[in-house]
Amino acid sequence: MPVVKHCGIRYSPPTLVIFYISDETGSTHRRSMPIRGINSSSNSEDLLDQLMQRSKNSYYLSKISKSQLKRLIGKLINHLTLAEEPETEINSNDNAIKEDNPFKRANTTVDEKVLNEDFNKVDEVELDRIKKKMDVSFEANRIKPGDDTFQYDLDVEFERVDVDACSWDSNDESDPDF
């Protein structure tokens, strides 16, 4: 009777991978079980039932807890959900609105709520989703060589803001060589 040691997933193609030790040889083997018909709207229980019905897989899967298998299949579904979000590749700004300020574009702003959120407290799936939205916004606002508004050596004058002097930088006794 083989002893199952590890269970994991491979995202591309969606596969459940099990490592087990064979009683006959004592060596470690890997068994890959492709998960067919998976998409972002799949149910993890239905996919698990399909895997269990395959006679080749049922013995190995019976040695692993159903909650662990559901969690792994759920991760695959989550990965597919993130991968199906529209990733628009923007090659030029031909569709951008021409305004006085070349940095303003239509429908490319990131939500104010998102900008004020603490990203250290957000889970990784949500953080990846937010980063993808920000990347789309960045690419839409980016001015590339070949665009009408592109300037090679752009000098921008910023407003001077009066800053209160701090005690640590106003001392004349500082080391001049530092």
N, C-alpha and C. Protein backbone atom coordinates (compact mmCIF):
# COMPACT_ATOMS: atom_id res chain seq x y z
N MET A 1 0.83 -1.18 0.00
CA MET A 1 0.00 0.00 0.00
C MET A 1 0.88 1.25 0.00
N PRO A 2 0.79 2.08 -1.03
CA PRO A 2 1.58 3.31 -1.07
C PRO A 2 1.15 4.29 0.02
N VAL A 3 2.11 5.07 0.49
CA VAL A 3 1.84 6.08 1.52
C VAL A 3 1.98 7.45 0.89
N VAL A 4 0.89 8.24 0.91
CA VAL A 4 0.91 9.58 0.33
C VAL A 4 1.67 10.51 1.27
N LYS A 5 2.66 11.25 0.73
CA LYS A 5 3.48 12.15 1.53
C LYS A 5 3.15 13.62 1.31
N HIS A 6 2.99 14.04 0.06
CA HIS A 6 2.76 15.44 -0.25
C HIS A 6 1.67 15.55 -1.30
N CYS A 7 0.97 16.68 -1.25
CA CYS A 7 -0.06 16.96 -2.25
C CYS A 7 0.07 18.43 -2.63
N GLY A 8 0.00 18.73 -3.92
CA GLY A 8 0.12 20.11 -4.38
C GLY A 8 -0.58 20.30 -5.70
N ILE A 9 -0.42 21.50 -6.26
CA ILE A 9 -1.06 21.82 -7.54
C ILE A 9 -0.05 22.42 -8.49
N ARG A 10 -0.37 22.32 -9.77
CA ARG A 10 0.38 23.00 -10.82
C ARG A 10 -0.65 23.83 -11.57
N TYR A 11 -0.34 25.11 -11.78
CA TYR A 11 -1.32 26.02 -12.38
C TYR A 11 -1.47 25.83 -13.88
N SER A 12 -0.38 25.52 -14.56
CA SER A 12 -0.48 25.44 -16.01
C SER A 12 0.16 24.15 -16.49
N PRO A 13 -0.59 23.22 -16.99
CA PRO A 13 -2.05 23.12 -17.00
C PRO A 13 -2.55 22.77 -15.60
N PRO A 14 -3.82 23.07 -15.30
CA PRO A 14 -4.34 22.80 -13.95
C PRO A 14 -4.23 21.31 -13.62
N THR A 15 -3.41 21.02 -12.62
CA THR A 15 -3.11 19.63 -12.28
C THR A 15 -2.96 19.48 -10.77
N LEU A 16 -3.48 18.39 -10.25
CA LEU A 16 -3.26 18.01 -8.86
C LEU A 16 -2.08 17.05 -8.86
N VAL A 17 -1.06 17.32 -8.03
CA VAL A 17 0.15 16.51 -8.01
C VAL A 17 0.29 15.87 -6.63
N ILE A 18 0.50 14.56 -6.62
CA ILE A 18 0.64 13.82 -5.36
C ILE A 18 1.98 13.08 -5.37
N PHE A 19 2.71 13.19 -4.27
CA PHE A 19 3.95 12.44 -4.07
C PHE A 19 3.67 11.34 -3.06
N TYR A 20 4.07 10.12 -3.40
CA TYR A 20 3.83 9.00 -2.50
C TYR A 20 5.05 8.08 -2.50
N ILE A 21 5.13 7.26 -1.45
CA ILE A 21 6.22 6.29 -1.33
C ILE A 21 5.66 4.91 -1.63
N SER A 22 6.29 4.25 -2.57
CA SER A 22 5.87 2.91 -2.98
C SER A 22 6.37 1.88 -1.96
N ASP A 23 5.49 0.95 -1.57
CA ASP A 23 5.88 -0.10 -0.63
C ASP A 23 6.86 -1.09 -1.27
N GLU A 24 6.69 -1.33 -2.54
CA GLU A 24 7.51 -2.33 -3.22
C GLU A 24 8.97 -1.91 -3.30
N THR A 25 9.21 -0.65 -3.69
CA THR A 25 10.58 -0.19 -3.89
C THR A 25 11.06 0.75 -2.79
N GLY A 26 10.15 1.37 -2.06
CA GLY A 26 10.53 2.34 -1.03
C GLY A 26 10.93 3.68 -1.60
N SER A 27 10.75 3.86 -2.90
CA SER A 27 11.13 5.12 -3.54
C SER A 27 9.93 6.05 -3.66
N THR A 28 10.23 7.33 -3.80
CA THR A 28 9.18 8.34 -3.93
C THR A 28 8.75 8.46 -5.38
N HIS A 29 7.45 8.51 -5.59
CA HIS A 29 6.88 8.65 -6.93
C HIS A 29 5.97 9.87 -6.96
N ARG A 30 5.80 10.40 -8.15
CA ARG A 30 4.90 11.54 -8.34
C ARG A 30 3.76 11.11 -9.26
N ARG A 31 2.55 11.48 -8.88
CA ARG A 31 1.38 11.19 -9.72
C ARG A 31 0.71 12.52 -10.03
N SER A 32 0.56 12.83 -11.31
CA SER A 32 -0.09 14.06 -11.76
C SER A 32 -1.48 13.73 -12.26
N MET A 33 -2.46 14.46 -11.75
CA MET A 33 -3.85 14.24 -12.14
C MET A 33 -4.40 15.51 -12.76
N PRO A 34 -4.51 15.57 -14.08
CA PRO A 34 -5.03 16.79 -14.71
C PRO A 34 -6.48 17.02 -14.31
N ILE A 35 -6.81 18.28 -14.08
CA ILE A 35 -8.18 18.64 -13.72
C ILE A 35 -8.82 19.21 -14.97
N ARG A 36 -9.64 18.40 -15.60
CA ARG A 36 -10.24 18.78 -16.88
C ARG A 36 -11.53 19.55 -16.65
N GLY A 37 -11.82 20.47 -17.53
CA GLY A 37 -13.08 21.21 -17.49
C GLY A 37 -13.13 22.27 -16.41
N ILE A 38 -11.99 22.68 -15.89
CA ILE A 38 -11.97 23.70 -14.85
C ILE A 38 -12.03 25.08 -15.48
N ASN A 39 -12.83 25.96 -14.90
CA ASN A 39 -12.87 27.37 -15.31
C ASN A 39 -13.18 28.21 -14.09
N SER A 40 -13.27 29.51 -14.28
CA SER A 40 -13.43 30.42 -13.14
C SER A 40 -14.77 30.25 -12.42
N SER A 41 -15.75 29.65 -13.08
CA SER A 41 -17.05 29.46 -12.43
C SER A 41 -17.26 28.02 -11.95
N SER A 42 -16.20 27.22 -11.93
CA SER A 42 -16.31 25.83 -11.51
C SER A 42 -16.54 25.73 -10.00
N ASN A 43 -17.14 24.62 -9.60
CA ASN A 43 -17.37 24.33 -8.19
C ASN A 43 -16.32 23.32 -7.76
N SER A 44 -15.62 23.59 -6.65
CA SER A 44 -14.54 22.72 -6.22
C SER A 44 -15.05 21.32 -5.83
N GLU A 45 -16.25 21.24 -5.28
CA GLU A 45 -16.79 19.93 -4.90
C GLU A 45 -17.08 19.08 -6.13
N ASP A 46 -17.63 19.70 -7.18
CA ASP A 46 -17.93 18.95 -8.41
C ASP A 46 -16.64 18.44 -9.05
N LEU A 47 -15.62 19.29 -9.09
CA LEU A 47 -14.34 18.87 -9.68
C LEU A 47 -13.70 17.75 -8.85
N LEU A 48 -13.83 17.84 -7.53
CA LEU A 48 -13.28 16.79 -6.67
C LEU A 48 -14.01 15.47 -6.90
N ASP A 49 -15.33 15.54 -7.07
CA ASP A 49 -16.10 14.32 -7.36
C ASP A 49 -15.67 13.69 -8.68
N GLN A 50 -15.42 14.54 -9.69
CA GLN A 50 -14.96 14.02 -10.99
C GLN A 50 -13.61 13.32 -10.84
N LEU A 51 -12.71 13.92 -10.05
CA LEU A 51 -11.40 13.30 -9.83
C LEU A 51 -11.54 11.97 -9.09
N MET A 52 -12.41 11.92 -8.10
CA MET A 52 -12.59 10.71 -7.30
C MET A 52 -13.20 9.58 -8.13
N GLN A 53 -13.98 9.91 -9.15
CA GLN A 53 -14.64 8.90 -9.97
C GLN A 53 -13.66 8.18 -10.90
N ARG A 54 -12.55 8.82 -11.20
CA ARG A 54 -11.55 8.15 -12.02
C ARG A 54 -10.90 7.04 -11.20
N SER A 55 -10.97 5.82 -11.69
CA SER A 55 -10.51 4.67 -10.91
C SER A 55 -9.01 4.75 -10.57
N LYS A 56 -8.23 5.35 -11.45
CA LYS A 56 -6.79 5.45 -11.21
C LYS A 56 -6.48 6.38 -10.04
N ASN A 57 -7.32 7.41 -9.85
CA ASN A 57 -7.03 8.42 -8.85
C ASN A 57 -7.65 8.14 -7.49
N SER A 58 -8.72 7.38 -7.46
CA SER A 58 -9.52 7.27 -6.24
C SER A 58 -8.73 6.73 -5.05
N TYR A 59 -7.83 5.79 -5.26
CA TYR A 59 -7.07 5.23 -4.14
C TYR A 59 -6.20 6.31 -3.50
N TYR A 60 -5.47 7.07 -4.31
CA TYR A 60 -4.56 8.09 -3.78
C TYR A 60 -5.33 9.23 -3.13
N LEU A 61 -6.43 9.64 -3.76
CA LEU A 61 -7.20 10.75 -3.23
C LEU A 61 -7.91 10.39 -1.93
N SER A 62 -8.23 9.11 -1.74
CA SER A 62 -8.90 8.70 -0.50
C SER A 62 -7.97 8.83 0.71
N LYS A 63 -6.68 8.91 0.49
CA LYS A 63 -5.70 9.04 1.58
C LYS A 63 -5.49 10.50 2.01
N ILE A 64 -6.10 11.45 1.29
CA ILE A 64 -5.94 12.88 1.56
C ILE A 64 -7.28 13.43 2.02
N SER A 65 -7.25 14.35 2.98
CA SER A 65 -8.50 14.91 3.50
C SER A 65 -9.21 15.71 2.41
N LYS A 66 -10.53 15.61 2.41
CA LYS A 66 -11.33 16.32 1.40
C LYS A 66 -11.18 17.82 1.53
N SER A 67 -11.03 18.31 2.76
CA SER A 67 -10.89 19.76 2.95
C SER A 67 -9.61 20.28 2.29
N GLN A 68 -8.52 19.50 2.38
CA GLN A 68 -7.27 19.91 1.74
C GLN A 68 -7.42 19.91 0.22
N LEU A 69 -8.07 18.88 -0.31
CA LEU A 69 -8.26 18.80 -1.76
C LEU A 69 -9.15 19.94 -2.26
N LYS A 70 -10.22 20.26 -1.51
CA LYS A 70 -11.11 21.37 -1.90
C LYS A 70 -10.35 22.69 -1.89
N ARG A 71 -9.49 22.86 -0.87
CA ARG A 71 -8.71 24.10 -0.77
C ARG A 71 -7.76 24.24 -1.95
N LEU A 72 -7.10 23.15 -2.34
CA LEU A 72 -6.17 23.20 -3.47
C LEU A 72 -6.90 23.47 -4.78
N ILE A 73 -8.04 22.83 -4.97
CA ILE A 73 -8.82 23.06 -6.19
C ILE A 73 -9.36 24.49 -6.18
N GLY A 74 -9.73 24.99 -5.00
CA GLY A 74 -10.17 26.39 -4.88
C GLY A 74 -9.07 27.36 -5.29
N LYS A 75 -7.82 27.03 -4.95
CA LYS A 75 -6.70 27.89 -5.36
C LYS A 75 -6.56 27.91 -6.88
N LEU A 76 -6.76 26.76 -7.52
CA LEU A 76 -6.71 26.71 -8.98
C LEU A 76 -7.81 27.57 -9.59
N ILE A 77 -9.02 27.48 -9.04
CA ILE A 77 -10.14 28.27 -9.55
C ILE A 77 -9.85 29.76 -9.35
N ASN A 78 -9.31 30.12 -8.18
CA ASN A 78 -8.96 31.52 -7.91
C ASN A 78 -7.92 32.01 -8.91
N HIS A 79 -6.94 31.18 -9.20
CA HIS A 79 -5.89 31.56 -10.16
C HIS A 79 -6.49 31.81 -11.54
N LEU A 80 -7.42 30.95 -11.94
CA LEU A 80 -8.07 31.13 -13.24
C LEU A 80 -8.92 32.39 -13.25
N THR A 81 -9.57 32.71 -12.13
CA THR A 81 -10.38 33.92 -12.04
C THR A 81 -9.51 35.15 -12.24
N LEU A 82 -8.34 35.17 -11.60
CA LEU A 82 -7.43 36.31 -11.77
C LEU A 82 -6.88 36.37 -13.18
N ALA A 83 -6.60 35.22 -13.77
CA ALA A 83 -6.02 35.19 -15.12
C ALA A 83 -7.02 35.63 -16.17
N GLU A 84 -8.33 35.50 -15.89
CA GLU A 84 -9.34 35.87 -16.88
C GLU A 84 -9.71 37.35 -16.83
N GLU A 85 -9.20 38.08 -15.82
CA GLU A 85 -9.47 39.51 -15.81
C GLU A 85 -8.84 40.12 -17.05
N PRO A 86 -9.51 41.07 -17.67
CA PRO A 86 -8.97 41.62 -18.91
C PRO A 86 -7.65 42.33 -18.69
N GLU A 87 -6.64 41.83 -19.35
CA GLU A 87 -5.34 42.47 -19.31
C GLU A 87 -5.16 43.17 -20.65
N THR A 88 -5.39 44.46 -20.66
CA THR A 88 -5.32 45.18 -21.91
C THR A 88 -3.89 45.62 -22.16
N GLU A 89 -3.40 45.26 -23.32
CA GLU A 89 -2.07 45.69 -23.71
C GLU A 89 -2.24 46.94 -24.54
N ILE A 90 -1.64 48.01 -24.09
CA ILE A 90 -1.81 49.29 -24.75
C ILE A 90 -0.52 49.61 -25.50
N ASN A 91 -0.61 49.66 -26.81
CA ASN A 91 0.57 49.91 -27.62
C ASN A 91 0.77 51.39 -27.92
N SER A 92 -0.30 52.15 -27.91
CA SER A 92 -0.17 53.58 -28.15
C SER A 92 -1.31 54.30 -27.46
N ASN A 93 -1.20 55.58 -27.38
CA ASN A 93 -2.23 56.39 -26.74
C ASN A 93 -3.14 57.03 -27.78
N ASP A 94 -3.40 56.35 -28.89
CA ASP A 94 -4.26 56.90 -29.92
C ASP A 94 -5.68 57.12 -29.41
N ASN A 95 -6.11 56.30 -28.46
CA ASN A 95 -7.47 56.42 -27.96
C ASN A 95 -7.59 57.40 -26.80
N ALA A 96 -6.50 58.05 -26.42
CA ALA A 96 -6.53 58.98 -25.30
C ALA A 96 -7.17 60.30 -25.73
N ILE A 97 -7.80 60.95 -24.78
CA ILE A 97 -8.43 62.25 -25.05
C ILE A 97 -7.35 63.32 -25.08
N LYS A 98 -7.35 64.13 -26.12
CA LYS A 98 -6.37 65.20 -26.23
C LYS A 98 -6.85 66.39 -25.40
N GLU A 99 -6.05 66.76 -24.41
CA GLU A 99 -6.36 67.89 -23.54
C GLU A 99 -5.13 68.76 -23.43
N ASP A 100 -5.26 69.87 -22.70
CA ASP A 100 -4.12 70.74 -22.47
C ASP A 100 -3.03 70.01 -21.69
N ASN A 101 -3.44 69.26 -20.71
CA ASN A 101 -2.49 68.50 -19.91
C ASN A 101 -2.38 67.09 -20.49
N PRO A 102 -1.23 66.71 -21.03
CA PRO A 102 -1.12 65.39 -21.66
C PRO A 102 -1.18 64.24 -20.67
N PHE A 103 -1.09 64.53 -19.37
CA PHE A 103 -1.09 63.46 -18.38
C PHE A 103 -2.49 63.07 -17.93
N LYS A 104 -3.51 63.81 -18.33
CA LYS A 104 -4.88 63.48 -17.96
C LYS A 104 -5.49 62.61 -19.03
N ARG A 105 -6.04 61.51 -18.64
CA ARG A 105 -6.70 60.59 -19.56
C ARG A 105 -8.07 60.25 -19.00
N ALA A 106 -8.94 59.78 -19.87
CA ALA A 106 -10.30 59.43 -19.44
C ALA A 106 -10.37 57.98 -18.97
N ASN A 107 -11.17 57.74 -17.97
CA ASN A 107 -11.47 56.39 -17.46
C ASN A 107 -10.23 55.59 -17.07
N THR A 108 -9.21 56.24 -16.58
CA THR A 108 -8.01 55.50 -16.19
C THR A 108 -7.62 55.79 -14.75
N THR A 109 -8.52 56.36 -13.99
CA THR A 109 -8.18 56.67 -12.61
C THR A 109 -8.40 55.46 -11.73
N VAL A 110 -7.59 55.36 -10.71
CA VAL A 110 -7.74 54.30 -9.73
C VAL A 110 -8.66 54.83 -8.64
N ASP A 111 -9.52 53.98 -8.14
CA ASP A 111 -10.49 54.35 -7.12
C ASP A 111 -9.83 55.05 -5.94
N GLU A 112 -10.42 56.14 -5.46
CA GLU A 112 -9.89 56.85 -4.30
C GLU A 112 -9.87 55.94 -3.08
N LYS A 113 -10.88 55.08 -2.95
CA LYS A 113 -10.95 54.16 -1.82
C LYS A 113 -9.73 53.23 -1.84
N VAL A 114 -9.34 52.80 -3.02
CA VAL A 114 -8.19 51.90 -3.15
C VAL A 114 -6.90 52.61 -2.77
N LEU A 115 -6.77 53.88 -3.14
CA LEU A 115 -5.55 54.61 -2.84
C LEU A 115 -5.37 54.85 -1.35
N ASN A 116 -6.47 54.95 -0.61
CA ASN A 116 -6.39 55.20 0.83
C ASN A 116 -6.34 53.91 1.65
N GLU A 117 -6.38 52.77 0.99
CA GLU A 117 -6.40 51.49 1.69
C GLU A 117 -4.99 51.08 2.09
N ASP A 118 -4.88 50.40 3.24
CA ASP A 118 -3.60 49.89 3.70
C ASP A 118 -3.35 48.53 3.05
N PHE A 119 -2.43 48.48 2.10
CA PHE A 119 -2.19 47.26 1.33
C PHE A 119 -1.48 46.18 2.15
N ASN A 120 -0.95 46.53 3.31
CA ASN A 120 -0.33 45.53 4.18
C ASN A 120 -1.38 44.64 4.84
N LYS A 121 -2.61 45.11 4.90
CA LYS A 121 -3.68 44.37 5.56
C LYS A 121 -4.56 43.61 4.57
N VAL A 122 -4.25 43.68 3.29
CA VAL A 122 -5.06 43.04 2.24
C VAL A 122 -4.45 41.68 1.92
N ASP A 123 -5.30 40.68 1.65
CA ASP A 123 -4.78 39.37 1.28
C ASP A 123 -4.16 39.42 -0.11
N GLU A 124 -3.38 38.39 -0.45
CA GLU A 124 -2.60 38.40 -1.69
C GLU A 124 -3.46 38.42 -2.94
N VAL A 125 -4.59 37.74 -2.92
CA VAL A 125 -5.47 37.69 -4.09
C VAL A 125 -6.01 39.09 -4.38
N GLU A 126 -6.47 39.78 -3.33
CA GLU A 126 -7.00 41.13 -3.50
C GLU A 126 -5.88 42.08 -3.93
N LEU A 127 -4.69 41.92 -3.37
CA LEU A 127 -3.56 42.77 -3.73
C LEU A 127 -3.18 42.59 -5.20
N ASP A 128 -3.18 41.36 -5.70
CA ASP A 128 -2.89 41.11 -7.12
C ASP A 128 -3.94 41.77 -8.01
N ARG A 129 -5.22 41.70 -7.61
CA ARG A 129 -6.29 42.31 -8.39
C ARG A 129 -6.10 43.84 -8.44
N ILE A 130 -5.76 44.44 -7.31
CA ILE A 130 -5.55 45.89 -7.26
C ILE A 130 -4.34 46.28 -8.10
N LYS A 131 -3.27 45.50 -8.03
CA LYS A 131 -2.06 45.80 -8.81
C LYS A 131 -2.34 45.72 -10.30
N LYS A 132 -3.16 44.76 -10.73
CA LYS A 132 -3.49 44.66 -12.15
C LYS A 132 -4.27 45.89 -12.61
N LYS A 133 -5.20 46.37 -11.78
CA LYS A 133 -5.94 47.58 -12.13
C LYS A 133 -5.00 48.77 -12.23
N MET A 134 -4.06 48.87 -11.29
CA MET A 134 -3.10 49.97 -11.31
C MET A 134 -2.19 49.89 -12.54
N ASP A 135 -1.80 48.68 -12.93
CA ASP A 135 -0.97 48.51 -14.12
C ASP A 135 -1.70 48.98 -15.38
N VAL A 136 -2.99 48.65 -15.47
CA VAL A 136 -3.79 49.08 -16.62
C VAL A 136 -3.86 50.60 -16.64
N SER A 137 -4.08 51.20 -15.48
CA SER A 137 -4.14 52.66 -15.38
C SER A 137 -2.80 53.28 -15.77
N PHE A 138 -1.70 52.69 -15.29
CA PHE A 138 -0.38 53.20 -15.61
C PHE A 138 -0.11 53.14 -17.11
N GLU A 139 -0.41 52.00 -17.73
CA GLU A 139 -0.16 51.84 -19.16
C GLU A 139 -1.01 52.81 -19.99
N ALA A 140 -2.23 53.09 -19.53
CA ALA A 140 -3.09 54.02 -20.27
C ALA A 140 -2.57 55.44 -20.17
N ASN A 141 -1.92 55.79 -19.07
CA ASN A 141 -1.42 57.15 -18.88
C ASN A 141 0.01 57.34 -19.37
N ARG A 142 0.70 56.28 -19.65
CA ARG A 142 2.10 56.36 -20.04
C ARG A 142 2.24 56.98 -21.42
N ILE A 143 3.18 57.89 -21.55
CA ILE A 143 3.46 58.51 -22.84
C ILE A 143 4.75 57.88 -23.37
N LYS A 144 4.64 57.26 -24.53
CA LYS A 144 5.76 56.51 -25.09
C LYS A 144 6.33 57.22 -26.32
N PRO A 145 7.56 56.88 -26.70
CA PRO A 145 8.09 57.44 -27.94
C PRO A 145 7.17 57.08 -29.10
N GLY A 146 6.91 58.05 -29.94
CA GLY A 146 5.98 57.85 -31.06
C GLY A 146 4.64 58.50 -30.81
N ASP A 147 4.31 58.81 -29.55
CA ASP A 147 3.07 59.51 -29.24
C ASP A 147 3.23 60.99 -29.59
N ASP A 148 2.10 61.63 -29.92
CA ASP A 148 2.14 63.05 -30.29
C ASP A 148 2.65 63.93 -29.16
N THR A 149 2.34 63.58 -27.93
CA THR A 149 2.71 64.43 -26.79
C THR A 149 4.04 64.04 -26.17
N PHE A 150 4.76 63.09 -26.77
CA PHE A 150 6.02 62.63 -26.21
C PHE A 150 7.10 63.69 -26.41
N GLN A 151 7.85 63.97 -25.33
CA GLN A 151 9.01 64.86 -25.40
C GLN A 151 10.19 64.11 -24.80
N TYR A 152 11.33 64.14 -25.49
CA TYR A 152 12.47 63.38 -25.03
C TYR A 152 13.04 63.93 -23.73
N ASP A 153 13.33 65.22 -23.68
CA ASP A 153 13.94 65.82 -22.50
C ASP A 153 12.93 66.76 -21.86
N LEU A 154 12.08 66.22 -21.02
CA LEU A 154 10.98 66.98 -20.43
C LEU A 154 11.43 67.58 -19.10
N ASP A 155 11.38 68.90 -19.01
CA ASP A 155 11.68 69.60 -17.75
C ASP A 155 10.37 70.10 -17.18
N VAL A 156 10.11 69.75 -15.93
CA VAL A 156 8.89 70.17 -15.26
C VAL A 156 9.26 71.00 -14.05
N GLU A 157 8.67 72.18 -13.93
CA GLU A 157 8.88 73.04 -12.78
C GLU A 157 7.80 72.74 -11.75
N PHE A 158 8.21 72.40 -10.55
CA PHE A 158 7.26 72.14 -9.48
C PHE A 158 7.18 73.34 -8.56
N GLU A 159 6.03 73.49 -7.91
CA GLU A 159 5.85 74.60 -6.97
C GLU A 159 6.80 74.44 -5.80
N ARG A 160 7.33 75.57 -5.35
CA ARG A 160 8.19 75.57 -4.17
C ARG A 160 7.30 75.55 -2.94
N VAL A 161 7.53 74.63 -2.07
CA VAL A 161 6.77 74.54 -0.84
C VAL A 161 7.69 74.90 0.31
N ASP A 162 7.26 75.86 1.13
CA ASP A 162 8.07 76.24 2.29
C ASP A 162 7.98 75.14 3.33
N VAL A 163 9.15 74.65 3.72
CA VAL A 163 9.22 73.57 4.69
C VAL A 163 9.88 74.11 5.95
N ASP A 164 9.29 73.79 7.08
CA ASP A 164 9.88 74.21 8.35
C ASP A 164 11.21 73.49 8.54
N ALA A 165 12.20 74.23 9.00
CA ALA A 165 13.50 73.64 9.23
C ALA A 165 13.44 72.73 10.46
N CYS A 166 14.15 71.65 10.39
CA CYS A 166 14.20 70.71 11.50
C CYS A 166 15.45 70.98 12.32
N SER A 167 15.40 70.64 13.58
CA SER A 167 16.53 70.91 14.47
C SER A 167 17.76 70.11 14.09
N TRP A 168 17.59 68.95 13.54
CA TRP A 168 18.74 68.10 13.25
C TRP A 168 19.53 68.57 12.04
N ASP A 169 18.91 69.34 11.13
CA ASP A 169 19.65 69.78 9.95
C ASP A 169 20.04 71.25 9.98
N SER A 170 19.73 71.95 11.07
CA SER A 170 20.07 73.37 11.13
C SER A 170 21.32 73.63 11.94
N ASN A 171 21.95 72.62 12.45
CA ASN A 171 23.13 72.77 13.28
C ASN A 171 24.35 73.01 12.40
N ASP A 172 25.14 74.03 12.73
CA ASP A 172 26.34 74.35 11.95
C ASP A 172 27.53 73.48 12.33
N GLU A 173 27.38 72.69 13.38
CA GLU A 173 28.49 71.87 13.85
C GLU A 173 28.57 70.54 13.11
N SER A 174 27.86 70.40 12.04
CA SER A 174 27.86 69.11 11.34
C SER A 174 29.19 68.87 10.64
N ASP A 175 29.44 67.66 10.31
CA ASP A 175 30.66 67.25 9.65
C ASP A 175 30.61 67.70 8.19
N PRO A 176 31.50 68.58 7.74
CA PRO A 176 31.44 69.08 6.36
C PRO A 176 31.83 68.01 5.33
N ASP A 177 32.57 67.00 5.74
CA ASP A 177 32.99 65.96 4.80
C ASP A 177 31.93 64.90 4.60
N PHE A 178 30.91 64.91 5.39
CA PHE A 178 29.90 63.86 5.32
C PHE A 178 28.86 64.15 4.31
